[in-house]
Protein backbone atom coordinates (compact mmCIF):
# COMPACT_ATOMS: atom_id res chain seq x y z
CA UNK A 1 -18.35 -26.23 -31.66
CA UNK A 2 -16.28 -28.63 -30.66
CA UNK A 3 -13.42 -28.18 -33.20
CA UNK A 4 -13.37 -24.38 -32.05
CA UNK A 5 -12.79 -25.45 -28.60
CA UNK A 6 -9.75 -27.91 -29.24
CA UNK A 7 -8.45 -25.06 -31.56
CA UNK A 8 -8.61 -22.24 -28.70
CA UNK A 9 -7.96 -24.45 -25.84
CA UNK A 10 -4.66 -22.47 -25.12
CA UNK A 11 -6.84 -18.96 -25.28
CA UNK A 12 -9.51 -20.72 -22.96
CA UNK A 13 -6.60 -22.32 -20.43
CA UNK A 14 -5.53 -18.38 -20.18
CA UNK A 15 -8.52 -17.14 -19.79
CA UNK A 16 -9.72 -19.73 -16.97
CA UNK A 17 -6.07 -18.73 -15.15
CA UNK A 18 -6.55 -15.38 -15.36
CA UNK A 19 -10.34 -15.45 -14.12
CA UNK A 20 -9.33 -17.49 -11.24
CA UNK A 21 -6.22 -15.48 -10.03
CA UNK A 22 -8.74 -12.10 -10.05
CA UNK A 23 -10.95 -13.95 -8.64
CA UNK A 24 -8.36 -14.79 -5.81
CA UNK A 25 -7.14 -11.31 -5.28
CA UNK A 26 -10.53 -10.16 -4.91
CA UNK A 27 -11.29 -12.71 -1.65
CA UNK A 28 -7.63 -11.59 -0.37
CA UNK A 29 -9.08 -7.79 -0.78
CA UNK A 30 -12.78 -8.60 0.93
CA UNK A 31 -11.13 -11.02 3.46
CA UNK A 32 -8.25 -8.47 4.34
CA UNK A 33 -11.08 -5.36 4.59
CA UNK A 34 -13.02 -8.03 7.08
CA UNK A 35 -10.02 -8.34 9.39
CA UNK A 36 -9.68 -4.54 9.34
CA UNK A 37 -6.22 -4.35 7.59
CA UNK A 38 -4.89 -1.44 5.99
CA UNK A 39 -4.19 -1.97 1.98
CA UNK A 40 -1.85 0.71 2.02
CA UNK A 41 0.76 -1.13 3.85
CA UNK A 42 1.81 0.11 6.91
CA UNK A 43 4.87 1.92 5.73
CA UNK A 44 4.23 5.43 7.25
CA UNK A 45 8.23 6.11 7.00
CA UNK A 46 7.00 7.16 3.00
CA UNK A 47 3.63 8.18 3.55
CA UNK A 48 3.03 11.99 3.66
CA UNK A 49 0.26 11.86 6.19
CA UNK A 50 2.91 9.03 8.01
CA UNK A 51 2.47 11.44 11.19
CA UNK A 52 -1.32 10.75 10.98
CA UNK A 53 -1.57 7.55 10.71
CA UNK A 54 -0.78 6.31 14.72
CA UNK A 55 -3.36 7.67 17.57
CA UNK A 56 -1.65 8.56 20.45
CA UNK A 57 -2.75 4.49 21.74
CA UNK A 58 -0.69 3.30 19.29
CA UNK A 59 -3.96 1.77 17.20
CA UNK A 60 -4.06 2.58 13.48
CA UNK A 61 -6.63 4.70 11.73
CA UNK A 62 -8.52 3.88 8.91
CA UNK A 63 -6.93 4.31 5.28
CA UNK A 64 -9.53 5.44 3.85
CA UNK A 65 -9.47 8.91 6.02
CA UNK A 66 -5.80 9.04 5.80
CA UNK A 67 -6.52 8.99 1.92
CA UNK A 68 -9.06 11.50 1.92
CA UNK A 69 -7.08 14.18 4.06
CA UNK A 70 -4.09 13.82 1.15
CA UNK A 71 -6.71 14.16 -1.56
CA UNK A 72 -8.17 17.36 0.09
CA UNK A 73 -4.93 18.88 0.73
CA UNK A 74 -3.66 18.30 -2.81
CA UNK A 75 -6.68 20.10 -4.37
CA UNK A 76 -6.62 22.26 -2.07
CA UNK A 77 -2.68 22.76 -3.43
CA UNK A 78 -3.62 23.05 -6.65
CA UNK A 79 -6.18 25.91 -5.84
């Protein structure tokens, strides 16, 4: 068993590094979600629903609501 670990140490190291990176990315997404940050990046200029992102008081709407509106409009266009 020890011999197998020694032979595959490079592969084990790469897999461990990928697991750590994935865990950090997931932790960052969860942290941003708890803080109320949107995942879209606030690039409303290039968004087809950009005019709907801002409410009258200037606060951002829920990005998931905007995405669901886009999906609904695309489904209606297909039909």
